[in-house]
Amino acid sequence: MRHFDLVVIGAGSGNSIPGPALVSEQILVVDDGVHFGGTCLNVGCIPTKMFVHPAEIAHEVAEARHVLNATSGEIRYDWQGIRDRVFGRIDAISEGGEEYRASGEPNISLLREQVRLTSEHELESASGERITFDRLVIATGSRPRELAALPLGDRIHTNDTILRLDNQPERLAVIGGGAIACEFAAMFAGLGTQVVQIHRSELLRGVDDEVRACFTEAAKRRWGLHLGTEVTRAVTTADGVTLTLSNGDELTVDHVLVAAGRVVNTDRLGTQELGLDHRENGALVVDEQQRVLRGGEPVAGIWAVGDSANTAQLKHVANHEARVAVQSILHDLGRAEAPSGVLGPIPLVVFSSPQIATFGRTLAEAHDDGLDAVEARCDYGATAWGWALADSEHFVKIVAERGSGTLLGAHIIGPDAGILLQPLVQAASFGQSVHGLARGQYWPHPAATEIVENALLKLEEQL
């Protein structure tokens, strides 16, 4: 039986916890992923965005006719070249990270097995090794949800496998209506795949109504949509997959991507058996220091970060939580002040086409919460940059509380939405009122940020 001062289960954001501040601790990093380094590096944020960019270029070329007053020629795509560019870089990082954790630092050991907690200070590996520890960080992340009607195989995939296909699908069915499904649908469609997206309700539930409507209309023009229905049967052959839908429709595709949500991996860890507090989605309940709770009280020596501990399931949230956990561990060791994990609003970006960026409340949500709120909208096409883009669809919406000018939320759909959102996130995070936010600084003309400036000016008039 081996003993460690600290065990970190999960090598995504958890992999950032071992560092100079904890060099005096004997640390075990545990990770059972096919590729070392977690979801974001290997199958999530980074590889998908490296695919999204060429897809956006292809989409812009295809849509450029109305700007160039020209007809578009045939566009050819090198799927294998794009794929190898992505994973040629990512796999090297993953392999290098694993090698370094295995042999690069004398105080750190690596275990590449699935483990299960047998008590608050002991775990057992899949091979039967028992390990004890003083402190534990749970950073086990989440995995794609599987559907009974769509058993995974050579032609039915999750985001874990579909990007590594040898050949680009000519026809692809995307199952789901959330951010991952919409990103993959847009990405494959941009690269020339015939995409059909199937979802039992609306796309992107939870975002602003006008944003969702705008996105849905754009999706209808760029790929097929079957909304209000779901797959009841899938028959896989050597040539493809035939899907039967609950509305009676039947269609055949080359491959299927299942993107119907994610399952928190705590269900494989034994945290329920230890009586730890869990959220409805399976994530552990933590306090502001990322300490895991039981009966509403912190459990000594156990922290959790990332998808294991929140409902946001976003990498930037997990990274912050990992930093808080390190500070909290140092505090537990008597080496630092207690941290506070509270930050401002959490931004969400959907890297689809069109791009969506949002944080905080919609106007309807603000009213539901009893707030006297107002909203202002500025269309891209109302600015010089929008004229350059020949944009007639996209917009920025900002919600604030009347009187105080407190920024309650922002909702953007269009090019560079994720960049345009950040000055509003910053203002909301630091409690800056909408009053004077536009006029108190220069806004480069004719940059895209004028869209945000004009929305703020409109909002201030209403306040």
Protein backbone atom coordinates (compact mmCIF):
# COMPACT_ATOMS: atom_id res chain seq x y z
CA MET A 1 0.00 0.00 0.00
CA ARG A 2 1.35 3.40 -1.02
CA HIS A 3 0.63 6.63 0.83
CA PHE A 4 0.57 10.19 -0.56
CA ASP A 5 0.14 13.62 0.94
CA LEU A 6 -2.20 14.58 -1.94
CA VAL A 7 -4.05 12.62 -4.61
CA VAL A 8 -5.51 14.41 -7.65
CA ILE A 9 -8.01 12.33 -9.61
CA GLY A 10 -8.30 13.71 -13.13
CA ALA A 11 -5.63 15.29 -15.34
CA GLY A 12 -7.66 17.99 -17.07
CA SER A 13 -7.75 21.13 -14.94
CA GLY A 14 -6.68 18.90 -12.06
CA ASN A 15 -3.31 18.56 -13.77
CA SER A 16 -2.59 22.22 -12.98
CA ILE A 17 -2.82 21.64 -9.22
CA PRO A 18 0.64 20.09 -8.71
CA GLY A 19 3.12 22.95 -8.94
CA PRO A 20 5.83 24.94 -7.15
CA ALA A 21 3.55 25.86 -4.24
CA LEU A 22 3.07 22.16 -3.40
CA VAL A 23 6.57 20.90 -4.22
CA SER A 24 7.05 19.68 -0.63
CA GLU A 25 4.04 17.35 -0.92
CA GLN A 26 4.18 13.82 -2.29
CA ILE A 27 1.45 13.89 -4.97
CA LEU A 28 -0.23 11.19 -7.01
CA VAL A 29 -1.98 12.19 -10.24
CA VAL A 30 -4.59 9.66 -11.39
CA ASP A 31 -5.99 9.65 -14.92
CA ASP A 32 -7.63 6.84 -16.89
CA GLY A 33 -8.36 8.71 -20.12
CA VAL A 34 -7.34 7.24 -23.47
CA HIS A 35 -5.29 10.40 -23.99
CA PHE A 36 -3.67 12.12 -21.02
CA GLY A 37 -4.75 15.67 -20.19
CA GLY A 38 -8.52 15.72 -20.01
CA THR A 39 -11.45 16.57 -22.25
CA CYS A 40 -10.55 20.14 -23.24
CA LEU A 41 -7.11 19.28 -24.60
CA ASN A 42 -7.91 16.00 -26.32
CA VAL A 43 -11.54 15.90 -27.48
CA GLY A 44 -13.14 19.21 -26.46
CA CYS A 45 -12.36 22.91 -26.55
CA ILE A 46 -8.99 22.91 -28.28
CA PRO A 47 -9.34 20.36 -31.11
CA THR A 48 -12.89 21.44 -31.91
CA LYS A 49 -11.86 25.08 -32.24
CA MET A 50 -8.94 24.05 -34.43
CA PHE A 51 -11.54 22.44 -36.70
CA VAL A 52 -13.98 25.33 -36.32
CA HIS A 53 -11.55 27.90 -37.72
CA PRO A 54 -11.05 26.26 -41.15
CA ALA A 55 -14.79 25.57 -41.26
CA GLU A 56 -15.44 29.29 -40.66
CA ILE A 57 -13.02 30.21 -43.44
CA ALA A 58 -14.80 27.80 -45.78
CA HIS A 59 -18.17 29.23 -44.77
CA GLU A 60 -16.99 32.80 -45.32
CA VAL A 61 -15.70 31.90 -48.78
CA ALA A 62 -18.99 30.24 -49.64
CA GLU A 63 -20.98 33.24 -48.33
CA ALA A 64 -18.74 35.86 -49.96
CA ARG A 65 -20.76 36.16 -53.15
CA HIS A 66 -22.90 39.04 -51.88
CA VAL A 67 -19.80 40.95 -50.77
CA LEU A 68 -17.61 40.24 -53.78
CA ASN A 69 -20.41 40.35 -56.34
CA ALA A 70 -18.92 37.15 -57.69
CA THR A 71 -19.90 33.55 -58.17
CA SER A 72 -18.20 30.97 -56.01
CA GLY A 73 -16.16 28.19 -57.49
CA GLU A 74 -15.80 24.70 -56.11
CA ILE A 75 -14.11 24.51 -52.72
CA ARG A 76 -12.08 21.40 -51.95
CA TYR A 77 -11.31 20.29 -48.40
CA ASP A 78 -8.42 18.20 -47.18
CA TRP A 79 -10.01 16.49 -44.17
CA GLN A 80 -6.97 14.36 -43.39
CA GLY A 81 -4.69 17.39 -43.64
CA ILE A 82 -6.87 19.36 -41.22
CA ARG A 83 -7.17 16.41 -38.85
CA ASP A 84 -3.43 15.73 -38.85
CA ARG A 85 -2.65 19.40 -38.26
CA VAL A 86 -4.89 19.34 -35.19
CA PHE A 87 -3.83 16.08 -33.61
CA GLY A 88 -0.21 16.35 -34.70
CA ARG A 89 -0.01 19.21 -32.24
CA ILE A 90 -2.41 18.04 -29.54
CA ASP A 91 -1.16 14.46 -29.26
CA ALA A 92 2.40 15.68 -28.79
CA ILE A 93 1.26 17.91 -25.91
CA SER A 94 -0.70 15.06 -24.34
CA GLU A 95 2.16 12.59 -24.64
CA GLY A 96 4.68 15.11 -23.34
CA GLY A 97 2.46 15.94 -20.38
CA GLU A 98 2.05 12.30 -19.49
CA GLU A 99 5.79 11.63 -19.72
CA TYR A 100 6.56 14.65 -17.55
CA ARG A 101 4.05 13.65 -14.87
CA ALA A 102 5.41 10.09 -14.91
CA SER A 103 9.07 10.98 -14.55
CA GLY A 104 9.65 14.73 -14.58
CA GLU A 105 9.32 15.68 -10.90
CA PRO A 106 10.54 13.72 -7.87
CA ASN A 107 7.49 14.54 -5.72
CA ILE A 108 4.88 13.50 -8.33
CA SER A 109 3.76 10.01 -9.37
CA LEU A 110 1.28 9.01 -12.06
CA LEU A 111 -1.34 6.26 -12.07
CA ARG A 112 -3.08 5.53 -15.40
CA GLU A 113 -6.01 3.49 -14.10
CA GLN A 114 -9.60 3.96 -13.07
CA VAL A 115 -9.96 4.20 -9.30
CA ARG A 116 -12.76 4.11 -6.76
CA LEU A 117 -12.86 5.64 -3.29
CA THR A 118 -13.23 3.12 -0.48
CA SER A 119 -13.12 5.76 2.28
CA GLU A 120 -12.37 9.44 2.74
CA HIS A 121 -8.63 8.66 2.79
CA GLU A 122 -8.26 5.52 0.70
CA LEU A 123 -8.88 4.40 -2.87
CA GLU A 124 -8.54 1.22 -4.84
CA SER A 125 -7.36 1.02 -8.45
CA ALA A 126 -8.83 -1.20 -11.15
CA SER A 127 -5.82 -3.51 -10.80
CA GLY A 128 -6.43 -3.88 -7.07
CA GLU A 129 -3.80 -1.51 -5.67
CA ARG A 130 -4.84 0.25 -2.47
CA ILE A 131 -3.61 3.81 -1.92
CA THR A 132 -4.04 6.01 1.13
CA PHE A 133 -3.77 9.78 1.24
CA ASP A 134 -4.11 12.80 3.51
CA ARG A 135 -5.82 15.10 1.01
CA LEU A 136 -7.79 14.57 -2.18
CA VAL A 137 -8.84 16.69 -5.16
CA ILE A 138 -11.60 15.26 -7.33
CA ALA A 139 -11.36 16.54 -10.91
CA THR A 140 -12.84 13.62 -12.81
CA GLY A 141 -14.75 15.70 -15.35
CA SER A 142 -17.61 14.35 -17.44
CA ARG A 143 -18.25 12.14 -20.45
CA PRO A 144 -20.71 12.16 -23.37
CA ARG A 145 -24.15 10.82 -22.56
CA GLU A 146 -24.96 7.59 -24.41
CA LEU A 147 -28.41 6.83 -25.83
CA ALA A 148 -29.98 3.37 -25.81
CA ALA A 149 -31.32 3.79 -29.34
CA LEU A 150 -27.86 4.68 -30.66
CA PRO A 151 -25.26 2.16 -29.44
CA LEU A 152 -21.77 3.47 -30.08
CA GLY A 153 -19.66 1.80 -32.76
CA ASP A 154 -17.69 2.36 -35.95
CA ARG A 155 -20.40 4.62 -37.39
CA ILE A 156 -22.03 6.02 -34.25
CA HIS A 157 -19.74 8.37 -32.35
CA THR A 158 -19.40 10.95 -29.62
CA ASN A 159 -17.08 13.95 -29.76
CA ASP A 160 -14.45 11.61 -28.26
CA THR A 161 -14.00 9.76 -31.56
CA ILE A 162 -15.56 11.54 -34.52
CA LEU A 163 -12.76 14.04 -35.13
CA ARG A 164 -10.25 11.24 -35.67
CA LEU A 165 -12.11 9.63 -38.59
CA ASP A 166 -9.88 8.80 -41.56
CA ASN A 167 -12.40 10.24 -44.01
CA GLN A 168 -14.82 13.13 -43.74
CA PRO A 169 -18.44 11.93 -43.69
CA GLU A 170 -20.46 12.87 -46.75
CA ARG A 171 -23.66 12.64 -44.69
CA LEU A 172 -23.76 13.15 -40.93
CA ALA A 173 -26.59 13.11 -38.39
CA VAL A 174 -25.98 15.17 -35.25
CA ILE A 175 -28.15 14.19 -32.30
CA GLY A 176 -28.76 16.97 -29.78
CA GLY A 177 -29.51 20.68 -29.57
CA GLY A 178 -27.00 22.08 -27.10
CA ALA A 179 -23.72 23.91 -27.60
CA ILE A 180 -21.68 20.85 -28.58
CA ALA A 181 -24.25 19.62 -31.09
CA CYS A 182 -24.61 23.05 -32.68
CA GLU A 183 -20.86 23.58 -32.88
CA PHE A 184 -20.26 20.24 -34.58
CA ALA A 185 -23.20 20.69 -36.95
CA ALA A 186 -21.85 24.05 -38.10
CA MET A 187 -18.29 22.78 -38.31
CA PHE A 188 -19.04 19.76 -40.48
CA ALA A 189 -21.50 21.73 -42.62
CA GLY A 190 -18.87 24.42 -43.15
CA LEU A 191 -16.45 21.80 -44.44
CA GLY A 192 -18.98 20.47 -46.93
CA THR A 193 -20.64 17.55 -45.13
CA GLN A 194 -24.40 17.17 -45.62
CA VAL A 195 -25.54 17.58 -42.02
CA VAL A 196 -28.91 16.88 -40.46
CA GLN A 197 -29.42 17.84 -36.83
CA ILE A 198 -32.05 15.95 -34.83
CA HIS A 199 -33.35 17.18 -31.49
CA ARG A 200 -36.46 16.51 -29.46
CA SER A 201 -37.10 20.21 -28.66
CA GLU A 202 -35.66 23.63 -29.52
CA LEU A 203 -32.03 24.38 -30.23
CA LEU A 204 -29.96 26.03 -27.50
CA ARG A 205 -32.62 26.14 -24.80
CA GLY A 206 -31.71 28.65 -22.12
CA VAL A 207 -30.29 31.36 -24.38
CA ASP A 208 -32.15 34.57 -25.19
CA ASP A 209 -35.28 33.96 -27.31
CA GLU A 210 -34.26 36.29 -30.15
CA VAL A 211 -30.76 34.85 -30.21
CA ARG A 212 -32.16 31.33 -30.39
CA ALA A 213 -34.58 32.28 -33.18
CA CYS A 214 -31.82 33.96 -35.18
CA PHE A 215 -29.55 30.95 -34.80
CA THR A 216 -32.28 28.48 -35.76
CA GLU A 217 -33.05 30.38 -38.97
CA ALA A 218 -29.38 30.44 -39.88
CA ALA A 219 -29.08 26.72 -39.17
CA LYS A 220 -32.04 25.96 -41.42
CA ARG A 221 -30.23 27.62 -44.32
CA ARG A 222 -26.95 25.79 -43.73
CA TRP A 223 -27.92 22.27 -42.71
CA GLY A 224 -31.00 20.12 -42.20
CA LEU A 225 -33.05 20.32 -39.01
CA HIS A 226 -35.47 17.81 -37.54
CA LEU A 227 -36.78 19.45 -34.36
CA GLY A 228 -39.46 18.08 -32.05
CA THR A 229 -38.49 14.48 -32.78
CA GLU A 230 -35.92 11.91 -31.72
CA VAL A 231 -34.30 8.69 -32.92
CA THR A 232 -36.19 5.55 -31.93
CA ARG A 233 -34.17 3.02 -33.94
CA ALA A 234 -30.81 2.83 -35.67
CA VAL A 235 -29.73 0.09 -38.07
CA THR A 236 -26.03 0.04 -38.95
CA THR A 237 -24.80 -1.58 -42.15
CA ALA A 238 -21.50 -1.61 -43.98
CA ASP A 239 -22.62 1.45 -45.94
CA GLY A 240 -24.14 3.66 -43.25
CA VAL A 241 -26.75 4.08 -40.56
CA THR A 242 -30.51 4.18 -41.18
CA LEU A 243 -32.35 6.17 -38.52
CA THR A 244 -36.04 5.95 -37.71
CA LEU A 245 -37.48 9.04 -35.99
CA SER A 246 -40.38 9.27 -33.59
CA ASN A 247 -42.33 11.34 -36.15
CA GLY A 248 -42.12 8.45 -38.65
CA ASP A 249 -39.36 9.92 -40.82
CA GLU A 250 -36.50 7.70 -41.92
CA LEU A 251 -33.09 8.80 -43.18
CA THR A 252 -29.74 7.21 -43.98
CA VAL A 253 -26.36 8.79 -43.20
CA ASP A 254 -22.73 7.69 -43.23
CA HIS A 255 -22.05 8.50 -39.57
CA VAL A 256 -23.91 9.69 -36.48
CA LEU A 257 -22.66 12.03 -33.77
CA VAL A 258 -24.40 11.66 -30.40
CA ALA A 259 -24.15 15.02 -28.59
CA ALA A 260 -27.08 14.80 -26.18
CA GLY A 261 -25.47 16.14 -23.03
CA ARG A 262 -22.80 14.96 -20.62
CA VAL A 263 -22.66 12.72 -17.55
CA VAL A 264 -20.57 13.71 -14.53
CA ASN A 265 -18.00 11.01 -13.77
CA THR A 266 -18.60 10.98 -10.01
CA ASP A 267 -20.94 8.02 -10.60
CA ARG A 268 -17.84 5.86 -11.15
CA LEU A 269 -15.89 7.13 -8.15
CA GLY A 270 -17.91 6.01 -5.13
CA THR A 271 -18.76 9.48 -3.85
CA GLN A 272 -22.41 8.58 -3.30
CA GLU A 273 -21.41 5.71 -1.03
CA LEU A 274 -19.36 8.12 1.08
CA GLY A 275 -22.46 10.22 1.68
CA LEU A 276 -21.05 13.35 0.05
CA ASP A 277 -23.50 16.03 -1.09
CA HIS A 278 -24.34 15.96 -4.81
CA ARG A 279 -26.12 18.30 -7.18
CA GLU A 280 -28.97 17.11 -9.35
CA ASN A 281 -26.59 16.53 -12.28
CA GLY A 282 -24.28 14.37 -10.14
CA ALA A 283 -21.66 17.03 -9.43
CA LEU A 284 -20.38 17.36 -5.88
CA VAL A 285 -21.52 20.30 -3.78
CA VAL A 286 -18.60 22.52 -2.74
CA ASP A 287 -18.16 25.74 -0.79
CA GLU A 288 -16.34 28.91 -1.87
CA GLN A 289 -13.01 27.21 -1.18
CA GLN A 290 -13.93 24.18 -3.38
CA ARG A 291 -14.19 22.00 -0.27
CA VAL A 292 -16.62 19.11 -0.74
CA LEU A 293 -19.65 19.16 1.56
CA ARG A 294 -21.51 16.46 3.43
CA GLY A 295 -24.70 17.48 5.13
CA GLY A 296 -23.86 21.05 4.16
CA GLU A 297 -20.53 21.04 6.04
CA PRO A 298 -16.99 20.80 4.59
CA VAL A 299 -15.38 17.37 4.65
CA ALA A 300 -11.82 17.66 5.94
CA GLY A 301 -9.22 17.07 3.24
CA ILE A 302 -11.45 16.72 0.15
CA TRP A 303 -11.81 19.29 -2.65
CA ALA A 304 -13.48 19.12 -6.07
CA VAL A 305 -13.14 21.22 -9.22
CA GLY A 306 -14.51 21.41 -12.76
CA ASP A 307 -17.41 19.33 -14.02
CA SER A 308 -17.11 17.28 -10.81
CA ALA A 309 -18.14 20.34 -8.81
CA ASN A 310 -20.29 22.67 -10.92
CA THR A 311 -23.06 22.77 -13.48
CA ALA A 312 -21.35 25.19 -15.86
CA GLN A 313 -19.12 22.50 -17.45
CA LEU A 314 -16.76 25.13 -18.87
CA LYS A 315 -12.97 25.00 -18.97
CA HIS A 316 -12.45 28.59 -17.82
CA VAL A 317 -14.56 27.85 -14.74
CA ALA A 318 -12.61 24.67 -14.00
CA ASN A 319 -9.27 26.48 -14.32
CA HIS A 320 -10.34 29.11 -11.81
CA GLU A 321 -11.63 26.48 -9.42
CA ALA A 322 -8.30 24.65 -9.61
CA ARG A 323 -6.48 27.84 -8.59
CA VAL A 324 -8.88 28.28 -5.68
CA ALA A 325 -8.36 24.66 -4.61
CA VAL A 326 -4.57 25.12 -4.54
CA GLN A 327 -4.96 28.20 -2.34
CA SER A 328 -7.38 26.33 -0.08
CA ILE A 329 -5.00 23.38 0.26
CA LEU A 330 -2.18 25.78 1.18
CA HIS A 331 -4.49 27.35 3.74
CA ASP A 332 -5.24 23.89 5.13
CA LEU A 333 -1.48 23.36 5.42
CA GLY A 334 -1.10 26.68 7.25
CA ARG A 335 0.81 28.37 4.43
CA ALA A 336 -1.72 30.84 2.98
CA GLU A 337 -4.85 32.85 3.65
CA ALA A 338 -8.21 31.26 2.91
CA PRO A 339 -9.35 31.97 -0.67
CA SER A 340 -12.72 33.07 -1.95
CA GLY A 341 -13.95 31.37 -5.10
CA VAL A 342 -16.61 33.94 -5.97
CA LEU A 343 -16.13 35.69 -9.31
CA GLY A 344 -18.49 37.68 -11.48
CA PRO A 345 -20.85 36.25 -14.11
CA ILE A 346 -19.80 33.22 -16.14
CA PRO A 347 -19.56 33.83 -19.90
CA LEU A 348 -20.63 31.13 -22.34
CA VAL A 349 -19.56 31.10 -25.99
CA VAL A 350 -21.01 28.73 -28.58
CA PHE A 351 -18.42 28.49 -31.35
CA SER A 352 -20.96 27.69 -34.00
CA SER A 353 -21.90 29.60 -37.12
CA PRO A 354 -23.14 32.14 -36.27
CA GLN A 355 -21.21 32.46 -33.02
CA ILE A 356 -23.11 33.11 -29.79
CA ALA A 357 -21.82 34.68 -26.57
CA THR A 358 -23.86 35.31 -23.44
CA PHE A 359 -23.79 35.85 -19.71
CA GLY A 360 -26.26 36.70 -16.98
CA ARG A 361 -30.01 37.16 -17.22
CA THR A 362 -32.20 37.70 -20.21
CA LEU A 363 -34.81 40.46 -19.89
CA ALA A 364 -37.52 37.87 -19.23
CA GLU A 365 -35.42 36.22 -16.51
CA ALA A 366 -34.76 39.58 -14.87
CA HIS A 367 -38.49 40.33 -14.79
CA ASP A 368 -39.18 36.85 -13.41
CA ASP A 369 -36.73 37.65 -10.61
CA GLY A 370 -38.74 40.77 -9.77
CA LEU A 371 -36.18 43.25 -11.13
CA ASP A 372 -37.11 46.50 -12.86
CA ALA A 373 -34.96 45.81 -15.91
CA VAL A 374 -34.63 47.29 -19.39
CA GLU A 375 -32.95 46.06 -22.54
CA ALA A 376 -31.26 47.69 -25.53
CA ARG A 377 -30.33 46.13 -28.85
CA CYS A 378 -27.92 47.18 -31.56
CA ASP A 379 -27.75 45.34 -34.87
CA TYR A 380 -24.40 44.72 -36.51
CA GLY A 381 -25.87 46.31 -39.64
CA ALA A 382 -26.37 49.62 -37.82
CA THR A 383 -22.58 50.17 -37.63
CA ALA A 384 -19.84 50.81 -40.18
CA TRP A 385 -18.26 47.46 -39.42
CA GLY A 386 -21.60 45.78 -40.02
CA TRP A 387 -21.80 47.56 -43.39
CA ALA A 388 -18.40 46.12 -44.28
CA LEU A 389 -19.64 42.66 -43.37
CA ALA A 390 -22.90 43.22 -45.28
CA ASP A 391 -24.54 41.89 -42.13
CA SER A 392 -28.31 42.03 -41.88
CA GLU A 393 -28.93 39.35 -39.21
CA HIS A 394 -26.84 39.69 -36.10
CA PHE A 395 -27.07 41.84 -32.99
CA VAL A 396 -26.02 42.67 -29.44
CA LYS A 397 -28.52 42.86 -26.55
CA ILE A 398 -27.70 44.26 -23.11
CA VAL A 399 -29.90 44.05 -20.01
CA ALA A 400 -29.56 46.41 -17.02
CA GLU A 401 -31.49 47.39 -13.92
CA ARG A 402 -33.35 50.67 -14.20
CA GLY A 403 -32.07 53.37 -11.90
CA SER A 404 -28.85 51.79 -10.67
CA GLY A 405 -27.69 50.83 -14.15
CA THR A 406 -26.43 47.49 -12.84
CA LEU A 407 -25.46 45.28 -15.77
CA LEU A 408 -27.57 42.12 -15.54
CA GLY A 409 -26.72 40.30 -18.76
CA ALA A 410 -25.56 40.48 -22.35
CA HIS A 411 -26.48 38.33 -25.34
CA ILE A 412 -24.66 38.47 -28.68
CA ILE A 413 -25.01 36.55 -31.93
CA GLY A 414 -22.67 37.18 -34.82
CA PRO A 415 -19.01 37.28 -35.85
CA ASP A 416 -16.54 37.62 -32.95
CA ALA A 417 -19.35 37.44 -30.39
CA GLY A 418 -16.99 35.93 -27.82
CA ILE A 419 -14.61 38.88 -28.13
CA LEU A 420 -17.35 41.49 -28.07
CA LEU A 421 -18.79 40.03 -24.86
CA GLN A 422 -15.65 40.47 -22.76
CA PRO A 423 -15.82 44.24 -22.01
CA LEU A 424 -19.34 43.69 -20.72
CA VAL A 425 -18.23 40.71 -18.60
CA GLN A 426 -15.48 42.88 -17.18
CA ALA A 427 -17.86 45.71 -16.34
CA ALA A 428 -20.33 43.34 -14.67
CA SER A 429 -17.58 41.50 -12.79
CA PHE A 430 -16.29 44.70 -11.22
CA GLY A 431 -19.69 46.19 -10.49
CA GLN A 432 -19.43 49.02 -12.99
CA SER A 433 -22.71 50.72 -13.80
CA VAL A 434 -23.90 51.09 -17.36
CA HIS A 435 -24.03 54.84 -16.71
CA GLY A 436 -21.03 56.40 -18.45
CA LEU A 437 -19.62 53.08 -19.63
CA ALA A 438 -19.94 54.06 -23.30
CA ARG A 439 -19.02 57.76 -23.07
CA GLY A 440 -16.27 57.36 -20.49
CA GLN A 441 -13.79 55.77 -22.93
CA TYR A 442 -12.79 55.85 -26.60
CA TRP A 443 -14.18 53.14 -28.87
CA PRO A 444 -12.07 52.59 -32.03
CA HIS A 445 -13.92 53.55 -35.20
CA PRO A 446 -15.00 51.65 -37.23
CA ALA A 447 -14.21 48.55 -35.19
CA ALA A 448 -16.69 45.83 -34.26
CA THR A 449 -16.74 47.08 -30.66
CA GLU A 450 -18.87 50.03 -31.80
CA ILE A 451 -21.77 47.58 -31.83
CA VAL A 452 -21.38 47.23 -28.06
CA GLU A 453 -20.86 50.98 -27.68
CA ASN A 454 -24.07 51.80 -29.54
CA ALA A 455 -26.06 49.25 -27.53
CA LEU A 456 -24.76 50.85 -24.31
CA LEU A 457 -25.72 54.34 -25.53
CA LYS A 458 -29.24 53.14 -26.32
CA LEU A 459 -29.47 51.46 -22.94
CA GLU A 460 -28.35 54.58 -21.10
CA GLU A 461 -31.08 56.58 -22.83
CA GLN A 462 -33.68 54.15 -21.46
CA LEU A 463 -32.23 54.32 -17.96
